[in-house]
């Protein structure tokens, strides 16, 4: 497998995990809006678990790049990093919105 193919595979794993994380965060918000706070927290945790996996894959890719001292930047990797950052932002927003929907 070439370096570009390996990097593309890593980027696709990050994109997949970040997408799953975002989906879980948004599902958590839907549950919170319906008053299902227990299910909302469960989905938020599921999102965080898969986000952690994406973050771990990203950190490993950065570490590999540092060891090789050969910067590898592709459009797909840039997209993967954008998806990762968006997932983190959505998590923060969903957590704030869930507090608003928290029963008094």
PDB file of N, CA and C in Angstrom:
ATOM      1  N   UNK A   1       0.854  -1.181   0.000  1.00  0.00           N
ATOM      2  CA  UNK A   1       0.000   0.000   0.000  1.00  0.00           C
ATOM      3  C   UNK A   1       0.896   1.238   0.000  1.00  0.00           C
ATOM      4  N   UNK A   2       0.606   2.170  -0.901  1.00  0.00           N
ATOM      5  CA  UNK A   2       1.416   3.395  -0.979  1.00  0.00           C
ATOM      6  C   UNK A   2       1.093   4.311   0.199  1.00  0.00           C
ATOM      7  N   UNK A   3       1.959   5.301   0.403  1.00  0.00           N
ATOM      8  CA  UNK A   3       1.740   6.245   1.503  1.00  0.00           C
ATOM      9  C   UNK A   3       0.443   7.022   1.310  1.00  0.00           C
ATOM     10  N   UNK A   4       0.145   7.384   0.063  1.00  0.00           N
ATOM     11  CA  UNK A   4      -1.085   8.129  -0.205  1.00  0.00           C
ATOM     12  C   UNK A   4      -2.306   7.257   0.077  1.00  0.00           C
ATOM     13  N   UNK A   5      -2.245   5.995  -0.307  1.00  0.00           N
ATOM     14  CA  UNK A   5      -3.359   5.091  -0.026  1.00  0.00           C
ATOM     15  C   UNK A   5      -3.542   4.913   1.479  1.00  0.00           C
ATOM     16  N   UNK A   6      -2.434   4.750   2.205  1.00  0.00           N
ATOM     17  CA  UNK A   6      -2.519   4.586   3.660  1.00  0.00           C
ATOM     18  C   UNK A   6      -3.080   5.847   4.299  1.00  0.00           C
ATOM     19  N   UNK A   7      -2.616   7.000   3.846  1.00  0.00           N
ATOM     20  CA  UNK A   7      -3.112   8.262   4.390  1.00  0.00           C
ATOM     21  C   UNK A   7      -4.599   8.433   4.077  1.00  0.00           C
ATOM     22  N   UNK A   8      -5.017   8.031   2.885  1.00  0.00           N
ATOM     23  CA  UNK A   8      -6.439   8.114   2.518  1.00  0.00           C
ATOM     24  C   UNK A   8      -7.273   7.204   3.400  1.00  0.00           C
ATOM     25  N   UNK A   9      -6.748   6.028   3.698  1.00  0.00           N
ATOM     26  CA  UNK A   9      -7.460   5.094   4.571  1.00  0.00           C
ATOM     27  C   UNK A   9      -7.618   5.692   5.977  1.00  0.00           C
ATOM     28  N   UNK A  10      -6.550   6.287   6.479  1.00  0.00           N
ATOM     29  CA  UNK A  10      -6.599   6.928   7.798  1.00  0.00           C
ATOM     30  C   UNK A  10      -7.612   8.069   7.787  1.00  0.00           C
ATOM     31  N   UNK A  11      -7.580   8.884   6.734  1.00  0.00           N
ATOM     32  CA  UNK A  11      -8.516  10.015   6.638  1.00  0.00           C
ATOM     33  C   UNK A  11      -9.958   9.524   6.613  1.00  0.00           C
ATOM     34  N   UNK A  12     -10.227   8.449   5.884  1.00  0.00           N
ATOM     35  CA  UNK A  12     -11.595   7.922   5.818  1.00  0.00           C
ATOM     36  C   UNK A  12     -12.049   7.383   7.173  1.00  0.00           C
ATOM     37  N   UNK A  13     -11.135   6.796   7.940  1.00  0.00           N
ATOM     38  CA  UNK A  13     -11.503   6.330   9.284  1.00  0.00           C
ATOM     39  C   UNK A  13     -11.874   7.515  10.173  1.00  0.00           C
ATOM     40  N   UNK A  14     -11.104   8.587  10.076  1.00  0.00           N
ATOM     41  CA  UNK A  14     -11.400   9.791  10.876  1.00  0.00           C
ATOM     42  C   UNK A  14     -12.750  10.372  10.464  1.00  0.00           C
ATOM     43  N   UNK A  15     -12.985  10.472   9.161  1.00  0.00           N
ATOM     44  CA  UNK A  15     -14.254  11.025   8.658  1.00  0.00           C
ATOM     45  C   UNK A  15     -15.427  10.176   9.132  1.00  0.00           C
ATOM     46  N   UNK A  16     -15.279   8.874   9.066  1.00  0.00           N
ATOM     47  CA  UNK A  16     -16.355   7.970   9.488  1.00  0.00           C
ATOM     48  C   UNK A  16     -16.662   8.139  10.973  1.00  0.00           C
ATOM     49  N   UNK A  17     -15.625   8.124  11.784  1.00  0.00           N
ATOM     50  CA  UNK A  17     -15.829   8.255  13.231  1.00  0.00           C
ATOM     51  C   UNK A  17     -16.387   9.634  13.593  1.00  0.00           C
ATOM     52  N   UNK A  18     -15.868  10.678  12.969  1.00  0.00           N
ATOM     53  CA  UNK A  18     -16.365  12.026  13.255  1.00  0.00           C
ATOM     54  C   UNK A  18     -17.824  12.152  12.836  1.00  0.00           C
ATOM     55  N   UNK A  19     -18.177  11.566  11.713  1.00  0.00           N
ATOM     56  CA  UNK A  19     -19.572  11.599  11.262  1.00  0.00           C
ATOM     57  C   UNK A  19     -20.499  10.866  12.215  1.00  0.00           C
ATOM     58  N   UNK A  20     -20.064   9.709  12.683  1.00  0.00           N
ATOM     59  CA  UNK A  20     -20.866   8.963  13.660  1.00  0.00           C
ATOM     60  C   UNK A  20     -21.009   9.747  14.965  1.00  0.00           C
ATOM     61  N   UNK A  21     -19.935  10.395  15.367  1.00  0.00           N
ATOM     62  CA  UNK A  21     -19.985  11.204  16.594  1.00  0.00           C
ATOM     63  C   UNK A  21     -21.006  12.326  16.436  1.00  0.00           C
ATOM     64  N   UNK A  22     -20.940  13.048  15.315  1.00  0.00           N
ATOM     65  CA  UNK A  22     -21.885  14.151  15.086  1.00  0.00           C
ATOM     66  C   UNK A  22     -23.318  13.633  15.082  1.00  0.00           C
ATOM     67  N   UNK A  23     -23.551  12.512  14.419  1.00  0.00           N
ATOM     68  CA  UNK A  23     -24.905  11.949  14.374  1.00  0.00           C
ATOM     69  C   UNK A  23     -25.403  11.637  15.775  1.00  0.00           C
ATOM     70  N   UNK A  24     -24.564  11.031  16.591  1.00  0.00           N
ATOM     71  CA  UNK A  24     -24.969  10.708  17.960  1.00  0.00           C
ATOM     72  C   UNK A  24     -25.233  11.967  18.783  1.00  0.00           C
ATOM     73  N   UNK A  25     -24.414  12.979  18.595  1.00  0.00           N
ATOM     74  CA  UNK A  25     -24.638  14.233  19.335  1.00  0.00           C
ATOM     75  C   UNK A  25     -25.991  14.846  18.955  1.00  0.00           C
ATOM     76  N   UNK A  26     -26.297  14.852  17.662  1.00  0.00           N
ATOM     77  CA  UNK A  26     -27.558  15.443  17.219  1.00  0.00           C
ATOM     78  C   UNK A  26     -28.756  14.597  17.658  1.00  0.00           C
ATOM     79  N   UNK A  27     -28.589  13.286  17.685  1.00  0.00           N
ATOM     80  CA  UNK A  27     -29.650  12.423  18.211  1.00  0.00           C
ATOM     81  C   UNK A  27     -29.858  12.678  19.697  1.00  0.00           C
ATOM     82  N   UNK A  28     -28.775  12.947  20.407  1.00  0.00           N
ATOM     83  CA  UNK A  28     -28.873  13.276  21.834  1.00  0.00           C
ATOM     84  C   UNK A  28     -29.698  14.539  22.026  1.00  0.00           C
ATOM     85  N   UNK A  29     -29.484  15.519  21.180  1.00  0.00           N
ATOM     86  CA  UNK A  29     -30.254  16.763  21.279  1.00  0.00           C
ATOM     87  C   UNK A  29     -31.737  16.496  21.011  1.00  0.00           C
ATOM     88  N   UNK A  30     -32.032  15.668  20.023  1.00  0.00           N
ATOM     89  CA  UNK A  30     -33.433  15.334  19.740  1.00  0.00           C
ATOM     90  C   UNK A  30     -34.086  14.681  20.956  1.00  0.00           C
ATOM     91  N   UNK A  31     -33.378  13.764  21.585  1.00  0.00           N
ATOM     92  CA  UNK A  31     -33.920  13.122  22.782  1.00  0.00           C
ATOM     93  C   UNK A  31     -34.111  14.138  23.904  1.00  0.00           C
ATOM     94  N   UNK A  32     -33.151  15.033  24.055  1.00  0.00           N
ATOM     95  CA  UNK A  32     -33.266  16.048  25.113  1.00  0.00           C
ATOM     96  C   UNK A  32     -34.478  16.945  24.868  1.00  0.00           C
ATOM     97  N   UNK A  33     -34.723  17.298  23.615  1.00  0.00           N
ATOM     98  CA  UNK A  33     -35.877  18.145  23.291  1.00  0.00           C
ATOM     99  C   UNK A  33     -37.197  17.445  23.613  1.00  0.00           C
ATOM    100  N   UNK A  34     -37.187  16.110  23.556  1.00  0.00           N
ATOM    101  CA  UNK A  34     -38.390  15.334  23.872  1.00  0.00           C
ATOM    102  C   UNK A  34     -38.486  15.020  25.364  1.00  0.00           C
ATOM    103  N   UNK A  35     -37.466  15.432  26.127  1.00  0.00           N
ATOM    104  CA  UNK A  35     -37.476  15.169  27.559  1.00  0.00           C
ATOM    105  C   UNK A  35     -36.886  13.826  27.942  1.00  0.00           C
ATOM    106  N   UNK A  36     -36.332  13.094  26.981  1.00  0.00           N
ATOM    107  CA  UNK A  36     -35.706  11.793  27.264  1.00  0.00           C
ATOM    108  C   UNK A  36     -34.231  11.995  27.638  1.00  0.00           C
ATOM    109  N   UNK A  37     -34.012  12.552  28.804  1.00  0.00           N
ATOM    110  CA  UNK A  37     -32.652  12.943  29.185  1.00  0.00           C
ATOM    111  C   UNK A  37     -31.722  11.746  29.377  1.00  0.00           C
ATOM    112  N   UNK A  38     -32.249  10.647  29.881  1.00  0.00           N
ATOM    113  CA  UNK A  38     -31.394   9.473  30.083  1.00  0.00           C
ATOM    114  C   UNK A  38     -30.864   8.977  28.738  1.00  0.00           C
ATOM    115  N   UNK A  39     -31.765   8.890  27.747  1.00  0.00           N
ATOM    116  CA  UNK A  39     -31.347   8.459  26.404  1.00  0.00           C
ATOM    117  C   UNK A  39     -30.430   9.500  25.774  1.00  0.00           C
ATOM    118  N   UNK A  40     -30.687  10.769  26.033  1.00  0.00           N
ATOM    119  CA  UNK A  40     -29.843  11.839  25.489  1.00  0.00           C
ATOM    120  C   UNK A  40     -28.409  11.717  26.000  1.00  0.00           C
ATOM    121  N   UNK A  41     -28.270  11.477  27.294  1.00  0.00           N
ATOM    122  CA  UNK A  41     -26.925  11.332  27.859  1.00  0.00           C
ATOM    123  C   UNK A  41     -26.228  10.077  27.326  1.00  0.00           C
ATOM    124  N   UNK A  42     -27.018   9.034  27.107  1.00  0.00           N
ATOM    125  CA  UNK A  42     -26.453   7.799  26.551  1.00  0.00           C
ATOM    126  C   UNK A  42     -25.911   8.057  25.144  1.00  0.00           C
ATOM    127  N   UNK A  43     -26.669   8.763  24.325  1.00  0.00           N
ATOM    128  CA  UNK A  43     -26.222   9.049  22.957  1.00  0.00           C
ATOM    129  C   UNK A  43     -25.035  10.024  22.953  1.00  0.00           C
ATOM    130  N   UNK A  44     -25.054  10.953  23.883  1.00  0.00           N
ATOM    131  CA  UNK A  44     -23.917  11.875  23.987  1.00  0.00           C
ATOM    132  C   UNK A  44     -22.644  11.097  24.317  1.00  0.00           C
ATOM    133  N   UNK A  45     -22.761  10.123  25.216  1.00  0.00           N
ATOM    134  CA  UNK A  45     -21.602   9.300  25.570  1.00  0.00           C
ATOM    135  C   UNK A  45     -21.158   8.436  24.386  1.00  0.00           C
ATOM    136  N   UNK A  46     -22.118   7.875  23.657  1.00  0.00           N
ATOM    137  CA  UNK A  46     -21.771   7.080  22.473  1.00  0.00           C
ATOM    138  C   UNK A  46     -21.034   7.940  21.453  1.00  0.00           C
ATOM    139  N   UNK A  47     -21.489   9.170  21.292  1.00  0.00           N
ATOM    140  CA  UNK A  47     -20.799  10.096  20.393  1.00  0.00           C
ATOM    141  C   UNK A  47     -19.390  10.388  20.876  1.00  0.00           C
ATOM    142  N   UNK A  48     -19.256  10.586  22.173  1.00  0.00           N
ATOM    143  CA  UNK A  48     -17.931  10.872  22.735  1.00  0.00           C
ATOM    144  C   UNK A  48     -16.991   9.687  22.574  1.00  0.00           C
ATOM    145  N   UNK A  49     -17.531   8.485  22.703  1.00  0.00           N
ATOM    146  CA  UNK A  49     -16.694   7.289  22.543  1.00  0.00           C
ATOM    147  C   UNK A  49     -16.132   7.188  21.125  1.00  0.00           C
ATOM    148  N   UNK A  50     -16.992   7.390  20.143  1.00  0.00           N
ATOM    149  CA  UNK A  50     -16.528   7.282  18.757  1.00  0.00           C
ATOM    150  C   UNK A  50     -15.666   8.496  18.376  1.00  0.00           C
ATOM    151  N   UNK A  51     -15.945   9.664  19.000  1.00  0.00           N
ATOM    152  CA  UNK A  51     -15.089  10.826  18.777  1.00  0.00           C
ATOM    153  C   UNK A  51     -13.686  10.552  19.309  1.00  0.00           C
ATOM    154  N   UNK A  52     -13.602   9.902  20.453  1.00  0.00           N
ATOM    155  CA  UNK A  52     -12.291   9.564  21.021  1.00  0.00           C
ATOM    156  C   UNK A  52     -11.514   8.654  20.082  1.00  0.00           C
ATOM    157  N   UNK A  53     -12.225   7.735  19.447  1.00  0.00           N
ATOM    158  CA  UNK A  53     -11.575   6.854  18.472  1.00  0.00           C
ATOM    159  C   UNK A  53     -11.010   7.678  17.307  1.00  0.00           C
ATOM    160  N   UNK A  54     -11.805   8.625  16.811  1.00  0.00           N
ATOM    161  CA  UNK A  54     -11.341   9.495  15.721  1.00  0.00           C
ATOM    162  C   UNK A  54     -10.125  10.309  16.156  1.00  0.00           C
ATOM    163  N   UNK A  55     -10.198  10.824  17.370  1.00  0.00           N
ATOM    164  CA  UNK A  55      -9.090  11.623  17.891  1.00  0.00           C
ATOM    165  C   UNK A  55      -7.816  10.778  18.023  1.00  0.00           C
ATOM    166  N   UNK A  56      -7.982   9.541  18.467  1.00  0.00           N
ATOM    167  CA  UNK A  56      -6.837   8.641  18.611  1.00  0.00           C
ATOM    168  C   UNK A  56      -6.204   8.354  17.237  1.00  0.00           C
ATOM    169  N   UNK A  57      -7.034   8.081  16.237  1.00  0.00           N
ATOM    170  CA  UNK A  57      -6.532   7.818  14.885  1.00  0.00           C
ATOM    171  C   UNK A  57      -5.787   9.050  14.358  1.00  0.00           C
ATOM    172  N   UNK A  58      -6.356  10.223  14.602  1.00  0.00           N
ATOM    173  CA  UNK A  58      -5.724  11.470  14.154  1.00  0.00           C
ATOM    174  C   UNK A  58      -4.374  11.670  14.836  1.00  0.00           C
ATOM    175  N   UNK A  59      -4.334  11.463  16.141  1.00  0.00           N
ATOM    176  CA  UNK A  59      -3.080  11.635  16.889  1.00  0.00           C
ATOM    177  C   UNK A  59      -2.022  10.650  16.402  1.00  0.00           C
ATOM    178  N   UNK A  60      -2.436   9.419  16.105  1.00  0.00           N
ATOM    179  CA  UNK A  60      -1.506   8.420  15.598  1.00  0.00           C
ATOM    180  C   UNK A  60      -0.945   8.833  14.234  1.00  0.00           C
ATOM    181  N   UNK A  61      -1.801   9.394  13.384  1.00  0.00           N
ATOM    182  CA  UNK A  61      -1.348   9.858  12.065  1.00  0.00           C
ATOM    183  C   UNK A  61      -0.336  10.989  12.211  1.00  0.00           C
ATOM    184  N   UNK A  62      -0.600  11.889  13.140  1.00  0.00           N
ATOM    185  CA  UNK A  62       0.342  12.997  13.376  1.00  0.00           C
ATOM    186  C   UNK A  62       1.671  12.469  13.902  1.00  0.00           C
ATOM    187  N   UNK A  63       1.601  11.504  14.807  1.00  0.00           N
ATOM    188  CA  UNK A  63       2.820  10.913  15.360  1.00  0.00           C
ATOM    189  C   UNK A  63       3.629  10.217  14.262  1.00  0.00           C
ATOM    190  N   UNK A  64       2.942   9.474  13.408  1.00  0.00           N
ATOM    191  CA  UNK A  64       3.632   8.801  12.295  1.00  0.00           C
ATOM    192  C   UNK A  64       4.312   9.814  11.382  1.00  0.00           C
ATOM    193  N   UNK A  65       3.628  10.909  11.127  1.00  0.00           N
ATOM    194  CA  UNK A  65       4.195  11.933  10.255  1.00  0.00           C
ATOM    195  C   UNK A  65       5.455  12.541  10.880  1.00  0.00           C
ATOM    196  N   UNK A  66       5.410  12.761  12.185  1.00  0.00           N
ATOM    197  CA  UNK A  66       6.565  13.345  12.872  1.00  0.00           C
ATOM    198  C   UNK A  66       7.762  12.389  12.841  1.00  0.00           C
ATOM    199  N   UNK A  67       7.499  11.092  12.945  1.00  0.00           N
ATOM    200  CA  UNK A  67       8.586  10.113  12.921  1.00  0.00           C
ATOM    201  C   UNK A  67       9.255  10.070  11.550  1.00  0.00           C
ATOM    202  N   UNK A  68       8.458  10.235  10.516  1.00  0.00           N
ATOM    203  CA  UNK A  68       8.983  10.157   9.157  1.00  0.00           C
ATOM    204  C   UNK A  68       9.550  11.489   8.681  1.00  0.00           C
ATOM    205  N   UNK A  69       9.160  12.558   9.347  1.00  0.00           N
ATOM    206  CA  UNK A  69       9.579  13.910   8.971  1.00  0.00           C
ATOM    207  C   UNK A  69       9.265  14.206   7.509  1.00  0.00           C
ATOM    208  N   UNK A  70       8.170  13.617   7.031  1.00  0.00           N
ATOM    209  CA  UNK A  70       7.709  13.874   5.674  1.00  0.00           C
ATOM    210  C   UNK A  70       6.255  14.338   5.747  1.00  0.00           C
ATOM    211  N   UNK A  71       6.041  15.626   5.698  1.00  0.00           N
ATOM    212  CA  UNK A  71       4.651  16.105   5.760  1.00  0.00           C
ATOM    213  C   UNK A  71       3.805  15.499   4.649  1.00  0.00           C
ATOM    214  N   UNK A  72       2.654  14.979   5.035  1.00  0.00           N
ATOM    215  CA  UNK A  72       1.722  14.381   4.077  1.00  0.00           C
ATOM    216  C   UNK A  72       0.385  15.092   4.219  1.00  0.00           C
ATOM    217  N   UNK A  73       0.116  16.007   3.336  1.00  0.00           N
ATOM    218  CA  UNK A  73      -1.149  16.727   3.379  1.00  0.00           C
ATOM    219  C   UNK A  73      -1.909  16.433   2.091  1.00  0.00           C
ATOM    220  N   UNK A  74      -3.124  15.955   2.255  1.00  0.00           N
ATOM    221  CA  UNK A  74      -3.988  15.727   1.105  1.00  0.00           C
ATOM    222  C   UNK A  74      -5.305  16.436   1.366  1.00  0.00           C
ATOM    223  N   UNK A  75      -6.051  16.669   0.307  1.00  0.00           N
ATOM    224  CA  UNK A  75      -7.355  17.298   0.470  1.00  0.00           C
ATOM    225  C   UNK A  75      -8.249  16.433   1.357  1.00  0.00           C
ATOM    226  N   UNK A  76      -8.138  15.123   1.222  1.00  0.00           N
ATOM    227  CA  UNK A  76      -8.949  14.210   2.029  1.00  0.00           C
ATOM    228  C   UNK A  76      -8.592  14.317   3.515  1.00  0.00           C
ATOM    229  N   UNK A  77      -7.315  14.456   3.828  1.00  0.00           N
ATOM    230  CA  UNK A  77      -6.905  14.603   5.224  1.00  0.00           C
ATOM    231  C   UNK A  77      -7.388  15.942   5.795  1.00  0.00           C
ATOM    232  N   UNK A  78      -7.319  16.980   4.991  1.00  0.00           N
ATOM    233  CA  UNK A  78      -7.834  18.287   5.432  1.00  0.00           C
ATOM    234  C   UNK A  78      -9.327  18.183   5.722  1.00  0.00           C
ATOM    235  N   UNK A  79     -10.048  17.489   4.853  1.00  0.00           N
ATOM    236  CA  UNK A  79     -11.487  17.282   5.080  1.00  0.00           C
ATOM    237  C   UNK A  79     -11.714  16.493   6.373  1.00  0.00           C
ATOM    238  N   UNK A  80     -10.906  15.479   6.606  1.00  0.00           N
ATOM    239  CA  UNK A  80     -11.030  14.676   7.826  1.00  0.00           C
ATOM    240  C   UNK A  80     -10.823  15.538   9.067  1.00  0.00           C
ATOM    241  N   UNK A  81      -9.827  16.401   9.050  1.00  0.00           N
ATOM    242  CA  UNK A  81      -9.575  17.262  10.200  1.00  0.00           C
ATOM    243  C   UNK A  81     -10.722  18.258  10.395  1.00  0.00           C
ATOM    244  N   UNK A  82     -11.288  18.740   9.296  1.00  0.00           N
ATOM    245  CA  UNK A  82     -12.433  19.642   9.388  1.00  0.00           C
ATOM    246  C   UNK A  82     -13.622  18.925  10.025  1.00  0.00           C
ATOM    247  N   UNK A  83     -13.868  17.688   9.627  1.00  0.00           N
ATOM    248  CA  UNK A  83     -14.960  16.911  10.206  1.00  0.00           C
ATOM    249  C   UNK A  83     -14.731  16.667  11.697  1.00  0.00           C
ATOM    250  N   UNK A  84     -13.500  16.408  12.063  1.00  0.00           N
ATOM    251  CA  UNK A  84     -13.156  16.182  13.471  1.00  0.00           C
ATOM    252  C   UNK A  84     -13.430  17.435  14.303  1.00  0.00           C
ATOM    253  N   UNK A  85     -13.018  18.587  13.799  1.00  0.00           N
ATOM    254  CA  UNK A  85     -13.250  19.839  14.530  1.00  0.00           C
ATOM    255  C   UNK A  85     -14.737  20.156  14.614  1.00  0.00           C
ATOM    256  N   UNK A  86     -15.477  19.892  13.521  1.00  0.00           N
ATOM    257  CA  UNK A  86     -16.925  20.135  13.539  1.00  0.00           C
ATOM    258  C   UNK A  86     -17.618  19.255  14.560  1.00  0.00           C
ATOM    259  N   UNK A  87     -17.194  18.007  14.659  1.00  0.00           N
ATOM    260  CA  UNK A  87     -17.800  17.102  15.641  1.00  0.00           C
ATOM    261  C   UNK A  87     -17.587  17.639  17.055  1.00  0.00           C
ATOM    262  N   UNK A  88     -16.396  18.142  17.327  1.00  0.00           N
ATOM    263  CA  UNK A  88     -16.112  18.678  18.659  1.00  0.00           C
ATOM    264  C   UNK A  88     -16.976  19.909  18.942  1.00  0.00           C
ATOM    265  N   UNK A  89     -17.120  20.770  17.956  1.00  0.00           N
ATOM    266  CA  UNK A  89     -17.944  21.977  18.121  1.00  0.00           C
ATOM    267  C   UNK A  89     -19.407  21.600  18.362  1.00  0.00           C
ATOM    268  N   UNK A  90     -19.911  20.645  17.593  1.00  0.00           N
ATOM    269  CA  UNK A  90     -21.296  20.218  17.765  1.00  0.00           C
ATOM    270  C   UNK A  90     -21.508  19.624  19.152  1.00  0.00           C
ATOM    271  N   UNK A  91     -20.538  18.867  19.635  1.00  0.00           N
ATOM    272  CA  UNK A  91     -20.668  18.296  20.978  1.00  0.00           C
ATOM    273  C   UNK A  91     -20.843  19.404  22.020  1.00  0.00           C
ATOM    274  N   UNK A  92     -20.018  20.423  21.928  1.00  0.00           N
ATOM    275  CA  UNK A  92     -20.098  21.535  22.893  1.00  0.00           C
ATOM    276  C   UNK A  92     -21.463  22.214  22.811  1.00  0.00           C
ATOM    277  N   UNK A  93     -21.933  22.474  21.592  1.00  0.00           N
ATOM    278  CA  UNK A  93     -23.236  23.122  21.432  1.00  0.00           C
ATOM    279  C   UNK A  93     -24.373  22.242  21.943  1.00  0.00           C
ATOM    280  N   UNK A  94     -24.318  20.955  21.644  1.00  0.00           N
ATOM    281  CA  UNK A  94     -25.368  20.040  22.099  1.00  0.00           C
ATOM    282  C   UNK A  94     -25.385  19.970  23.626  1.00  0.00           C
ATOM    283  N   UNK A  95     -24.217  19.942  24.253  1.00  0.00           N
ATOM    284  CA  UNK A  95     -24.170  19.917  25.718  1.00  0.00           C
ATOM    285  C   UNK A  95     -24.844  21.163  26.301  1.00  0.00           C
ATOM    286  N   UNK A  96     -24.579  22.305  25.697  1.00  0.00           N
ATOM    287  CA  UNK A  96     -25.198  23.552  26.177  1.00  0.00           C
ATOM    288  C   UNK A  96     -26.712  23.512  25.969  1.00  0.00           C
ATOM    289  N   UNK A  97     -27.145  23.056  24.798  1.00  0.00           N
ATOM    290  CA  UNK A  97     -28.580  22.993  24.505  1.00  0.00           C
ATOM    291  C   UNK A  97     -29.296  21.967  25.381  1.00  0.00           C
ATOM    292  N   UNK A  98     -28.612  20.882  25.705  1.00  0.00           N
ATOM    293  CA  UNK A  98     -29.219  19.880  26.584  1.00  0.00           C
ATOM    294  C   UNK A  98     -29.485  20.468  27.966  1.00  0.00           C
ATOM    295  N   UNK A  99     -28.615  21.360  28.412  1.00  0.00           N
ATOM    296  CA  UNK A  99     -28.854  21.998  29.714  1.00  0.00           C
ATOM    297  C   UNK A  99     -30.117  22.847  29.678  1.00  0.00           C
ATOM    298  N   UNK A 100     -30.361  23.487  28.530  1.00  0.00           N
ATOM    299  CA  UNK A 100     -31.572  24.300  28.386  1.00  0.00           C
ATOM    300  C   UNK A 100     -32.815  23.414  28.467  1.00  0.00           C
ATOM    301  N   UNK A 101     -32.726  22.221  27.890  1.00  0.00           N
ATOM    302  CA  UNK A 101     -33.874  21.318  27.864  1.00  0.00           C
ATOM    303  C   UNK A 101     -33.970  20.440  29.106  1.00  0.00           C
ATOM    304  N   UNK A 102     -33.027  20.599  30.018  1.00  0.00           N
ATOM    305  CA  UNK A 102     -33.040  19.821  31.254  1.00  0.00           C
ATOM    306  C   UNK A 102     -34.290  20.178  32.064  1.00  0.00           C
ATOM    307  N   UNK A 103     -35.084  19.176  32.480  1.00  0.00           N
ATOM    308  CA  UNK A 103     -36.274  19.484  33.304  1.00  0.00           C
ATOM    309  C   UNK A 103     -35.867  20.182  34.595  1.00  0.00           C
ATOM    310  N   UNK A 104     -36.696  21.123  35.020  1.00  0.00           N
ATOM    311  CA  UNK A 104     -36.393  21.889  36.235  1.00  0.00           C
ATOM    312  C   UNK A 104     -36.739  21.120  37.469  1.00  0.00           C
TER     313      UNK A 104
END
